[in-house]
Amino acid sequence: MEKQTVQKLFLCFWMYAILGWCYEVFLEVVVYKWGFTNLGIMFGPYCPIYAVGALLFLLFFGRFMKKEGGIALQISRPFIVFFGSMAVATAVELAGTYILEFFTGSWPWNTYADYDINFQARIALSPSLRFGMGGLLFLYFVQPFYDRLLSKPKPKTLNIITAAVLVTVVTDFVLTLILRY
C-alpha cells in the first residue's frame, strides 16, 4: 500500500461509506427482498460506519498486505485478516449502536434480534462473519483498486475533488441535522 495523503484517506473514507451503503441496499433489495430504505444516517448514499471500519482495517491489517515474510506468515495472513477484520468491525458496529442510540434514540440495523446468535440485537454472528469476508475482499481487492484510482489525479485536481466532496458531505450533514433530527 502506498503512502497515503490526508486527501486520499478522506476520499477513501467517503468511497468506503458509499460502498457500504451499496452493500446495505444490495442486502435489503436483492438478498432479503425487504424493499429499499436508506439505512444511512444522512440523506446521501453513504454509511460512514463502513468507512470507519475500513480505515481501521487499513490501520491494523494494512501491513499484512506486503508480500514479505516467511511461508508461515504468508499462509496465516488471510486468517489473521479474516478474524481480525471480524473482531474490529464487530467492535465498531457495537460502539456505533451505543453512539447512535445516544444521539438519535435508535440505530439503523436494529433487526439483529432476528438472528439466532446476537447480543442485544446490536451485533450478531452472521454479520460478523460477513465482516471478516468483507475485510479480506477490502484489503486484497478494493483498497488496491482505490490506491491505483487515487494515484492518477495530479495534486491540484485531488485538492479540488477533495474540496467538492467536503462541501457535499458537510452540506448533507447540516441538512440532516436540521431536517431529520
N, C-alpha and C. Protein backbone atom coordinates (compact mmCIF):
# COMPACT_ATOMS: atom_id res chain seq x y z
N MET A 1 0.85 -1.18 0.00
CA MET A 1 0.00 0.00 0.00
C MET A 1 0.89 1.24 0.00
N GLU A 2 0.58 2.15 -0.88
CA GLU A 2 1.39 3.36 -0.99
C GLU A 2 1.17 4.28 0.20
N LYS A 3 2.09 5.22 0.36
CA LYS A 3 1.96 6.21 1.42
C LYS A 3 0.71 7.05 1.15
N GLN A 4 -0.13 7.20 2.16
CA GLN A 4 -1.40 7.91 2.00
C GLN A 4 -1.25 9.38 2.36
N THR A 5 -1.96 10.21 1.63
CA THR A 5 -2.05 11.61 2.00
C THR A 5 -3.39 11.82 2.70
N VAL A 6 -3.54 12.95 3.33
CA VAL A 6 -4.79 13.26 4.02
C VAL A 6 -5.94 13.29 3.02
N GLN A 7 -5.71 13.90 1.85
CA GLN A 7 -6.76 13.95 0.83
C GLN A 7 -7.17 12.55 0.40
N LYS A 8 -6.21 11.67 0.16
CA LYS A 8 -6.53 10.32 -0.29
C LYS A 8 -7.29 9.54 0.78
N LEU A 9 -6.89 9.68 2.03
CA LEU A 9 -7.62 8.99 3.10
C LEU A 9 -9.04 9.54 3.24
N PHE A 10 -9.18 10.85 3.10
CA PHE A 10 -10.51 11.46 3.17
C PHE A 10 -11.40 10.94 2.04
N LEU A 11 -10.87 10.92 0.82
CA LEU A 11 -11.65 10.42 -0.31
C LEU A 11 -11.94 8.94 -0.17
N CYS A 12 -10.96 8.18 0.30
CA CYS A 12 -11.19 6.75 0.54
C CYS A 12 -12.30 6.57 1.56
N PHE A 13 -12.28 7.38 2.62
CA PHE A 13 -13.31 7.28 3.64
C PHE A 13 -14.69 7.35 3.02
N TRP A 14 -14.91 8.34 2.16
CA TRP A 14 -16.24 8.51 1.58
C TRP A 14 -16.53 7.48 0.50
N MET A 15 -15.51 6.99 -0.17
CA MET A 15 -15.74 5.90 -1.12
C MET A 15 -16.14 4.62 -0.37
N TYR A 16 -15.50 4.38 0.79
CA TYR A 16 -15.87 3.22 1.62
C TYR A 16 -17.31 3.37 2.11
N ALA A 17 -17.66 4.59 2.51
CA ALA A 17 -19.01 4.84 3.02
C ALA A 17 -20.06 4.59 1.93
N ILE A 18 -19.76 4.99 0.71
CA ILE A 18 -20.68 4.76 -0.40
C ILE A 18 -20.75 3.27 -0.72
N LEU A 19 -19.61 2.61 -0.72
CA LEU A 19 -19.59 1.17 -0.98
C LEU A 19 -20.38 0.42 0.10
N GLY A 20 -20.26 0.84 1.35
CA GLY A 20 -21.05 0.24 2.44
C GLY A 20 -22.54 0.44 2.24
N TRP A 21 -22.92 1.63 1.80
CA TRP A 21 -24.33 1.91 1.52
C TRP A 21 -24.84 1.00 0.40
N CYS A 22 -24.04 0.87 -0.65
CA CYS A 22 -24.43 -0.01 -1.77
C CYS A 22 -24.59 -1.46 -1.30
N TYR A 23 -23.70 -1.90 -0.44
CA TYR A 23 -23.79 -3.25 0.12
C TYR A 23 -25.10 -3.41 0.91
N GLU A 24 -25.44 -2.43 1.72
CA GLU A 24 -26.67 -2.49 2.51
C GLU A 24 -27.91 -2.52 1.61
N VAL A 25 -27.91 -1.69 0.57
CA VAL A 25 -29.02 -1.67 -0.37
C VAL A 25 -29.13 -3.02 -1.08
N PHE A 26 -28.00 -3.59 -1.48
CA PHE A 26 -27.99 -4.90 -2.13
C PHE A 26 -28.62 -5.94 -1.21
N LEU A 27 -28.22 -5.94 0.06
CA LEU A 27 -28.78 -6.91 1.01
C LEU A 27 -30.29 -6.73 1.14
N GLU A 28 -30.72 -5.49 1.32
CA GLU A 28 -32.15 -5.21 1.52
C GLU A 28 -33.00 -5.56 0.31
N VAL A 29 -32.55 -5.15 -0.85
CA VAL A 29 -33.38 -5.27 -2.05
C VAL A 29 -33.25 -6.64 -2.71
N VAL A 30 -32.02 -7.12 -2.85
CA VAL A 30 -31.79 -8.35 -3.62
C VAL A 30 -31.81 -9.60 -2.73
N VAL A 31 -31.08 -9.56 -1.62
CA VAL A 31 -30.96 -10.76 -0.80
C VAL A 31 -32.20 -11.00 0.05
N TYR A 32 -32.57 -10.01 0.85
CA TYR A 32 -33.70 -10.20 1.77
C TYR A 32 -35.05 -9.79 1.19
N LYS A 33 -35.03 -9.04 0.08
CA LYS A 33 -36.24 -8.58 -0.60
C LYS A 33 -37.19 -7.80 0.33
N TRP A 34 -36.58 -6.99 1.20
CA TRP A 34 -37.36 -6.17 2.11
C TRP A 34 -37.86 -4.90 1.43
N GLY A 35 -37.24 -4.53 0.34
CA GLY A 35 -37.53 -3.25 -0.30
C GLY A 35 -36.50 -2.23 0.12
N PHE A 36 -36.47 -1.10 -0.55
CA PHE A 36 -35.44 -0.10 -0.31
C PHE A 36 -35.81 0.84 0.83
N THR A 37 -34.87 1.02 1.74
CA THR A 37 -34.89 2.11 2.71
C THR A 37 -33.47 2.62 2.83
N ASN A 38 -33.30 3.90 3.00
CA ASN A 38 -31.96 4.47 3.15
C ASN A 38 -31.50 4.22 4.58
N LEU A 39 -30.60 3.26 4.75
CA LEU A 39 -30.10 2.94 6.08
C LEU A 39 -28.96 3.85 6.52
N GLY A 40 -28.58 4.78 5.67
CA GLY A 40 -27.56 5.74 6.06
C GLY A 40 -28.09 6.69 7.11
N ILE A 41 -27.21 7.30 7.85
CA ILE A 41 -27.65 8.23 8.89
C ILE A 41 -27.81 9.64 8.35
N MET A 42 -27.41 9.86 7.08
CA MET A 42 -27.59 11.15 6.43
C MET A 42 -28.43 10.93 5.18
N PHE A 43 -28.71 11.98 4.43
CA PHE A 43 -29.53 11.85 3.23
C PHE A 43 -28.78 11.17 2.09
N GLY A 44 -27.50 11.43 1.97
CA GLY A 44 -26.73 10.91 0.85
C GLY A 44 -26.53 9.40 0.92
N PRO A 45 -26.04 8.84 -0.19
CA PRO A 45 -25.85 7.39 -0.26
C PRO A 45 -24.54 6.94 0.40
N TYR A 46 -24.49 7.06 1.72
CA TYR A 46 -23.29 6.60 2.40
C TYR A 46 -23.60 6.16 3.82
N CYS A 47 -22.86 5.16 4.25
CA CYS A 47 -22.93 4.65 5.62
C CYS A 47 -21.53 4.82 6.21
N PRO A 48 -21.29 5.91 6.94
CA PRO A 48 -19.95 6.18 7.44
C PRO A 48 -19.37 5.09 8.35
N ILE A 49 -20.21 4.28 8.97
CA ILE A 49 -19.67 3.24 9.85
C ILE A 49 -18.81 2.25 9.06
N TYR A 50 -19.15 2.01 7.80
CA TYR A 50 -18.33 1.14 6.96
C TYR A 50 -16.96 1.78 6.72
N ALA A 51 -16.95 3.09 6.55
CA ALA A 51 -15.70 3.80 6.32
C ALA A 51 -14.81 3.75 7.56
N VAL A 52 -15.40 3.90 8.73
CA VAL A 52 -14.61 3.79 9.97
C VAL A 52 -13.98 2.41 10.05
N GLY A 53 -14.78 1.38 9.78
CA GLY A 53 -14.25 0.02 9.80
C GLY A 53 -13.13 -0.18 8.79
N ALA A 54 -13.31 0.35 7.59
CA ALA A 54 -12.29 0.19 6.54
C ALA A 54 -10.99 0.88 6.93
N LEU A 55 -11.07 2.07 7.48
CA LEU A 55 -9.84 2.76 7.91
C LEU A 55 -9.16 2.00 9.04
N LEU A 56 -9.95 1.41 9.93
CA LEU A 56 -9.35 0.60 10.99
C LEU A 56 -8.72 -0.67 10.42
N PHE A 57 -9.34 -1.26 9.41
CA PHE A 57 -8.72 -2.41 8.74
C PHE A 57 -7.35 -2.02 8.19
N LEU A 58 -7.29 -0.86 7.54
CA LEU A 58 -6.00 -0.39 7.00
C LEU A 58 -4.99 -0.17 8.11
N LEU A 59 -5.43 0.45 9.18
CA LEU A 59 -4.53 0.73 10.30
C LEU A 59 -3.98 -0.56 10.92
N PHE A 60 -4.88 -1.51 11.20
CA PHE A 60 -4.47 -2.73 11.89
C PHE A 60 -3.88 -3.80 10.98
N PHE A 61 -4.38 -3.89 9.74
CA PHE A 61 -4.01 -5.02 8.89
C PHE A 61 -3.37 -4.64 7.57
N GLY A 62 -3.21 -3.36 7.31
CA GLY A 62 -2.59 -2.92 6.06
C GLY A 62 -1.19 -3.46 5.90
N ARG A 63 -0.45 -3.60 6.98
CA ARG A 63 0.92 -4.11 6.90
C ARG A 63 0.95 -5.58 6.49
N PHE A 64 -0.15 -6.30 6.68
CA PHE A 64 -0.19 -7.70 6.28
C PHE A 64 -0.32 -7.86 4.77
N MET A 65 -0.56 -6.78 4.06
CA MET A 65 -0.73 -6.87 2.62
C MET A 65 0.61 -6.88 1.89
N LYS A 66 1.68 -6.61 2.61
CA LYS A 66 3.01 -6.69 2.00
C LYS A 66 3.33 -8.15 1.74
N LYS A 67 4.07 -8.39 0.69
CA LYS A 67 4.38 -9.76 0.27
C LYS A 67 5.57 -10.37 1.03
N GLU A 68 6.12 -9.65 1.96
CA GLU A 68 7.29 -10.15 2.66
C GLU A 68 6.91 -11.11 3.79
N GLY A 69 7.89 -11.81 4.30
CA GLY A 69 7.66 -12.74 5.40
C GLY A 69 7.82 -14.17 4.95
N GLY A 70 7.97 -15.03 5.91
CA GLY A 70 8.16 -16.45 5.63
C GLY A 70 6.86 -17.13 5.21
N ILE A 71 6.98 -18.41 4.91
CA ILE A 71 5.84 -19.18 4.43
C ILE A 71 4.73 -19.25 5.48
N ALA A 72 5.10 -19.35 6.76
CA ALA A 72 4.09 -19.42 7.83
C ALA A 72 3.26 -18.14 7.86
N LEU A 73 3.92 -17.00 7.71
CA LEU A 73 3.19 -15.72 7.70
C LEU A 73 2.31 -15.61 6.46
N GLN A 74 2.82 -16.04 5.32
CA GLN A 74 2.04 -15.96 4.10
C GLN A 74 0.79 -16.84 4.17
N ILE A 75 0.90 -18.00 4.80
CA ILE A 75 -0.25 -18.89 4.95
C ILE A 75 -1.23 -18.35 5.98
N SER A 76 -0.72 -17.80 7.07
CA SER A 76 -1.60 -17.33 8.15
C SER A 76 -2.20 -15.95 7.88
N ARG A 77 -1.61 -15.20 6.96
CA ARG A 77 -2.05 -13.82 6.69
C ARG A 77 -3.56 -13.72 6.43
N PRO A 78 -4.15 -14.52 5.53
CA PRO A 78 -5.60 -14.39 5.30
C PRO A 78 -6.44 -14.70 6.54
N PHE A 79 -5.99 -15.63 7.36
CA PHE A 79 -6.72 -15.95 8.59
C PHE A 79 -6.65 -14.80 9.59
N ILE A 80 -5.48 -14.19 9.68
CA ILE A 80 -5.31 -13.03 10.58
C ILE A 80 -6.21 -11.89 10.11
N VAL A 81 -6.22 -11.64 8.80
CA VAL A 81 -7.05 -10.57 8.25
C VAL A 81 -8.53 -10.88 8.46
N PHE A 82 -8.94 -12.13 8.20
CA PHE A 82 -10.35 -12.51 8.36
C PHE A 82 -10.82 -12.32 9.79
N PHE A 83 -10.15 -12.99 10.75
CA PHE A 83 -10.60 -12.92 12.14
C PHE A 83 -10.38 -11.53 12.74
N GLY A 84 -9.30 -10.86 12.35
CA GLY A 84 -9.07 -9.51 12.83
C GLY A 84 -10.12 -8.54 12.32
N SER A 85 -10.46 -8.64 11.03
CA SER A 85 -11.49 -7.78 10.45
C SER A 85 -12.83 -8.05 11.11
N MET A 86 -13.09 -9.32 11.34
CA MET A 86 -14.34 -9.71 12.00
C MET A 86 -14.44 -9.05 13.38
N ALA A 87 -13.36 -9.13 14.16
CA ALA A 87 -13.36 -8.56 15.51
C ALA A 87 -13.45 -7.03 15.49
N VAL A 88 -12.66 -6.40 14.63
CA VAL A 88 -12.64 -4.94 14.57
C VAL A 88 -14.00 -4.40 14.12
N ALA A 89 -14.55 -4.97 13.04
CA ALA A 89 -15.83 -4.47 12.52
C ALA A 89 -16.97 -4.71 13.52
N THR A 90 -16.94 -5.83 14.20
CA THR A 90 -17.98 -6.11 15.20
C THR A 90 -17.88 -5.12 16.35
N ALA A 91 -16.66 -4.81 16.77
CA ALA A 91 -16.47 -3.82 17.84
C ALA A 91 -16.94 -2.43 17.39
N VAL A 92 -16.64 -2.07 16.14
CA VAL A 92 -17.09 -0.77 15.60
C VAL A 92 -18.61 -0.74 15.55
N GLU A 93 -19.21 -1.85 15.09
CA GLU A 93 -20.66 -1.89 15.00
C GLU A 93 -21.31 -1.78 16.38
N LEU A 94 -20.77 -2.47 17.35
CA LEU A 94 -21.30 -2.41 18.72
C LEU A 94 -21.19 -0.98 19.26
N ALA A 95 -20.02 -0.38 19.10
CA ALA A 95 -19.84 1.00 19.56
C ALA A 95 -20.78 1.94 18.81
N GLY A 96 -20.95 1.71 17.52
CA GLY A 96 -21.85 2.54 16.71
C GLY A 96 -23.28 2.50 17.21
N THR A 97 -23.73 1.32 17.67
CA THR A 97 -25.12 1.24 18.17
C THR A 97 -25.30 2.11 19.41
N TYR A 98 -24.31 2.09 20.29
CA TYR A 98 -24.42 2.89 21.51
C TYR A 98 -24.35 4.39 21.19
N ILE A 99 -23.47 4.76 20.27
CA ILE A 99 -23.34 6.17 19.90
C ILE A 99 -24.61 6.67 19.22
N LEU A 100 -25.10 5.90 18.24
CA LEU A 100 -26.32 6.31 17.53
C LEU A 100 -27.53 6.31 18.46
N GLU A 101 -27.61 5.34 19.35
CA GLU A 101 -28.73 5.32 20.29
C GLU A 101 -28.70 6.54 21.20
N PHE A 102 -27.51 6.94 21.62
CA PHE A 102 -27.38 8.11 22.48
C PHE A 102 -27.85 9.37 21.76
N PHE A 103 -27.43 9.54 20.48
CA PHE A 103 -27.74 10.76 19.75
C PHE A 103 -29.10 10.75 19.06
N THR A 104 -29.57 9.58 18.62
CA THR A 104 -30.80 9.55 17.81
C THR A 104 -31.91 8.69 18.41
N GLY A 105 -31.59 7.91 19.45
CA GLY A 105 -32.60 7.06 20.07
C GLY A 105 -32.71 5.68 19.46
N SER A 106 -31.96 5.41 18.39
CA SER A 106 -32.04 4.12 17.71
C SER A 106 -30.77 3.92 16.88
N TRP A 107 -30.72 2.78 16.19
CA TRP A 107 -29.65 2.55 15.23
C TRP A 107 -30.26 1.82 14.04
N PRO A 108 -29.71 2.05 12.83
CA PRO A 108 -30.35 1.52 11.62
C PRO A 108 -30.43 0.00 11.51
N TRP A 109 -29.53 -0.73 12.13
CA TRP A 109 -29.52 -2.18 11.95
C TRP A 109 -30.09 -2.91 13.17
N ASN A 110 -31.15 -2.39 13.74
CA ASN A 110 -31.72 -3.00 14.94
C ASN A 110 -32.60 -4.22 14.62
N THR A 111 -32.34 -4.85 13.49
CA THR A 111 -33.05 -6.08 13.12
C THR A 111 -32.28 -7.33 13.54
N TYR A 112 -31.18 -7.16 14.23
CA TYR A 112 -30.33 -8.31 14.58
C TYR A 112 -30.99 -9.27 15.57
N ALA A 113 -32.09 -8.87 16.17
CA ALA A 113 -32.81 -9.78 17.06
C ALA A 113 -33.32 -11.00 16.29
N ASP A 114 -33.46 -10.86 14.98
CA ASP A 114 -33.91 -11.97 14.13
C ASP A 114 -32.86 -13.06 13.99
N TYR A 115 -31.60 -12.75 14.29
CA TYR A 115 -30.53 -13.75 14.19
C TYR A 115 -30.49 -14.60 15.46
N ASP A 116 -30.21 -15.89 15.29
CA ASP A 116 -30.15 -16.80 16.44
C ASP A 116 -29.08 -16.38 17.45
N ILE A 117 -27.92 -16.02 16.95
CA ILE A 117 -26.81 -15.65 17.84
C ILE A 117 -26.59 -14.16 17.71
N ASN A 118 -27.03 -13.41 18.74
CA ASN A 118 -26.88 -11.96 18.73
C ASN A 118 -26.67 -11.46 20.15
N PHE A 119 -26.21 -10.23 20.27
CA PHE A 119 -26.05 -9.59 21.57
C PHE A 119 -26.90 -8.33 21.57
N GLN A 120 -27.97 -8.34 22.34
CA GLN A 120 -28.87 -7.20 22.50
C GLN A 120 -29.37 -6.65 21.16
N ALA A 121 -29.42 -7.47 20.15
CA ALA A 121 -29.81 -7.07 18.79
C ALA A 121 -28.90 -5.98 18.24
N ARG A 122 -27.71 -5.83 18.81
CA ARG A 122 -26.74 -4.82 18.37
C ARG A 122 -25.71 -5.42 17.43
N ILE A 123 -25.27 -6.63 17.73
CA ILE A 123 -24.32 -7.35 16.89
C ILE A 123 -24.81 -8.79 16.79
N ALA A 124 -24.38 -9.47 15.74
CA ALA A 124 -24.79 -10.86 15.55
C ALA A 124 -23.67 -11.61 14.83
N LEU A 125 -23.66 -12.92 15.00
CA LEU A 125 -22.60 -13.74 14.43
C LEU A 125 -22.60 -13.68 12.90
N SER A 126 -23.75 -13.83 12.27
CA SER A 126 -23.81 -13.86 10.81
C SER A 126 -23.21 -12.60 10.16
N PRO A 127 -23.61 -11.40 10.58
CA PRO A 127 -22.96 -10.21 10.01
C PRO A 127 -21.47 -10.15 10.34
N SER A 128 -21.09 -10.61 11.52
CA SER A 128 -19.67 -10.58 11.89
C SER A 128 -18.85 -11.46 10.95
N LEU A 129 -19.38 -12.62 10.57
CA LEU A 129 -18.69 -13.47 9.61
C LEU A 129 -18.59 -12.77 8.25
N ARG A 130 -19.64 -12.06 7.86
CA ARG A 130 -19.58 -11.30 6.60
C ARG A 130 -18.56 -10.17 6.69
N PHE A 131 -18.40 -9.59 7.88
CA PHE A 131 -17.37 -8.55 8.04
C PHE A 131 -15.98 -9.13 7.83
N GLY A 132 -15.76 -10.35 8.31
CA GLY A 132 -14.47 -10.99 8.09
C GLY A 132 -14.20 -11.19 6.61
N MET A 133 -15.21 -11.68 5.88
CA MET A 133 -15.07 -11.85 4.43
C MET A 133 -14.89 -10.48 3.76
N GLY A 134 -15.64 -9.51 4.23
CA GLY A 134 -15.51 -8.16 3.68
C GLY A 134 -14.12 -7.59 3.89
N GLY A 135 -13.53 -7.86 5.04
CA GLY A 135 -12.16 -7.40 5.31
C GLY A 135 -11.17 -8.00 4.32
N LEU A 136 -11.33 -9.27 4.02
CA LEU A 136 -10.46 -9.91 3.03
C LEU A 136 -10.65 -9.27 1.66
N LEU A 137 -11.90 -9.12 1.23
CA LEU A 137 -12.17 -8.50 -0.08
C LEU A 137 -11.66 -7.07 -0.12
N PHE A 138 -11.89 -6.35 0.96
CA PHE A 138 -11.47 -4.96 1.02
C PHE A 138 -9.96 -4.82 0.90
N LEU A 139 -9.21 -5.56 1.73
CA LEU A 139 -7.76 -5.38 1.75
C LEU A 139 -7.06 -5.98 0.53
N TYR A 140 -7.61 -7.04 -0.01
CA TYR A 140 -6.95 -7.69 -1.15
C TYR A 140 -7.38 -7.13 -2.50
N PHE A 141 -8.59 -6.53 -2.60
CA PHE A 141 -9.09 -6.07 -3.89
C PHE A 141 -9.50 -4.60 -3.92
N VAL A 142 -10.35 -4.18 -2.98
CA VAL A 142 -10.89 -2.82 -3.04
C VAL A 142 -9.81 -1.78 -2.78
N GLN A 143 -9.05 -1.92 -1.70
CA GLN A 143 -8.04 -0.91 -1.38
C GLN A 143 -6.96 -0.80 -2.46
N PRO A 144 -6.45 -1.90 -3.00
CA PRO A 144 -5.50 -1.74 -4.11
C PRO A 144 -6.12 -1.00 -5.31
N PHE A 145 -7.39 -1.25 -5.59
CA PHE A 145 -8.08 -0.53 -6.67
C PHE A 145 -8.16 0.96 -6.35
N TYR A 146 -8.55 1.31 -5.11
CA TYR A 146 -8.62 2.72 -4.72
C TYR A 146 -7.24 3.37 -4.77
N ASP A 147 -6.20 2.64 -4.36
CA ASP A 147 -4.85 3.18 -4.43
C ASP A 147 -4.48 3.55 -5.87
N ARG A 148 -4.79 2.64 -6.81
CA ARG A 148 -4.50 2.92 -8.22
C ARG A 148 -5.34 4.10 -8.72
N LEU A 149 -6.62 4.11 -8.37
CA LEU A 149 -7.52 5.17 -8.81
C LEU A 149 -7.06 6.54 -8.31
N LEU A 150 -6.66 6.62 -7.06
CA LEU A 150 -6.28 7.91 -6.48
C LEU A 150 -4.84 8.30 -6.77
N SER A 151 -4.07 7.42 -7.41
CA SER A 151 -2.70 7.79 -7.78
C SER A 151 -2.68 8.52 -9.13
N LYS A 152 -3.80 8.51 -9.85
CA LYS A 152 -3.85 9.11 -11.18
C LYS A 152 -3.98 10.64 -11.18
N PRO A 153 -4.86 11.24 -10.36
CA PRO A 153 -5.01 12.70 -10.44
C PRO A 153 -3.76 13.45 -9.94
N LYS A 154 -3.55 14.61 -10.53
CA LYS A 154 -2.48 15.49 -10.07
C LYS A 154 -2.88 16.07 -8.72
N PRO A 155 -1.91 16.53 -7.92
CA PRO A 155 -2.25 17.07 -6.59
C PRO A 155 -3.30 18.18 -6.62
N LYS A 156 -3.24 19.08 -7.58
CA LYS A 156 -4.23 20.16 -7.65
C LYS A 156 -5.63 19.60 -7.91
N THR A 157 -5.73 18.64 -8.82
CA THR A 157 -7.01 18.00 -9.12
C THR A 157 -7.53 17.26 -7.90
N LEU A 158 -6.64 16.59 -7.19
CA LEU A 158 -7.03 15.88 -5.98
C LEU A 158 -7.56 16.85 -4.92
N ASN A 159 -6.95 18.02 -4.81
CA ASN A 159 -7.45 19.04 -3.88
C ASN A 159 -8.84 19.53 -4.25
N ILE A 160 -9.10 19.72 -5.54
CA ILE A 160 -10.42 20.17 -6.00
C ILE A 160 -11.47 19.10 -5.72
N ILE A 161 -11.15 17.85 -6.02
CA ILE A 161 -12.08 16.74 -5.76
C ILE A 161 -12.36 16.64 -4.26
N THR A 162 -11.31 16.76 -3.46
CA THR A 162 -11.48 16.68 -2.01
C THR A 162 -12.37 17.81 -1.50
N ALA A 163 -12.15 19.03 -1.99
CA ALA A 163 -12.97 20.17 -1.57
C ALA A 163 -14.43 19.97 -1.96
N ALA A 164 -14.67 19.45 -3.16
CA ALA A 164 -16.05 19.22 -3.61
C ALA A 164 -16.74 18.18 -2.75
N VAL A 165 -16.03 17.10 -2.42
CA VAL A 165 -16.61 16.06 -1.56
C VAL A 165 -16.86 16.62 -0.17
N LEU A 166 -15.92 17.41 0.35
CA LEU A 166 -16.08 18.00 1.68
C LEU A 166 -17.31 18.90 1.74
N VAL A 167 -17.48 19.76 0.75
CA VAL A 167 -18.64 20.67 0.73
C VAL A 167 -19.94 19.85 0.65
N THR A 168 -19.94 18.82 -0.18
CA THR A 168 -21.13 17.97 -0.32
C THR A 168 -21.49 17.29 0.99
N VAL A 169 -20.50 16.71 1.64
CA VAL A 169 -20.75 15.97 2.88
C VAL A 169 -21.15 16.90 4.01
N VAL A 170 -20.48 18.03 4.14
CA VAL A 170 -20.83 18.98 5.20
C VAL A 170 -22.25 19.52 4.99
N THR A 171 -22.59 19.83 3.74
CA THR A 171 -23.95 20.29 3.43
C THR A 171 -24.97 19.22 3.79
N ASP A 172 -24.70 17.99 3.41
CA ASP A 172 -25.61 16.88 3.74
C ASP A 172 -25.73 16.72 5.25
N PHE A 173 -24.62 16.80 5.96
CA PHE A 173 -24.64 16.64 7.41
C PHE A 173 -25.49 17.73 8.07
N VAL A 174 -25.29 18.98 7.65
CA VAL A 174 -26.05 20.10 8.22
C VAL A 174 -27.53 19.96 7.91
N LEU A 175 -27.86 19.63 6.66
CA LEU A 175 -29.26 19.44 6.30
C LEU A 175 -29.90 18.27 7.07
N THR A 176 -29.13 17.23 7.26
CA THR A 176 -29.64 16.09 8.02
C THR A 176 -29.95 16.50 9.46
N LEU A 177 -29.05 17.26 10.08
CA LEU A 177 -29.29 17.71 11.46
C LEU A 177 -30.51 18.61 11.54
N ILE A 178 -30.67 19.49 10.56
CA ILE A 178 -31.80 20.43 10.58
C ILE A 178 -33.12 19.74 10.27
N LEU A 179 -33.14 18.89 9.26
CA LEU A 179 -34.40 18.33 8.78
C LEU A 179 -34.79 16.98 9.39
N ARG A 180 -33.82 16.21 9.87
CA ARG A 180 -34.14 14.87 10.34
C ARG A 180 -34.12 14.75 11.85
N TYR A 181 -33.23 15.44 12.49
CA TYR A 181 -33.09 15.28 13.94
C TYR A 181 -33.49 16.55 14.62
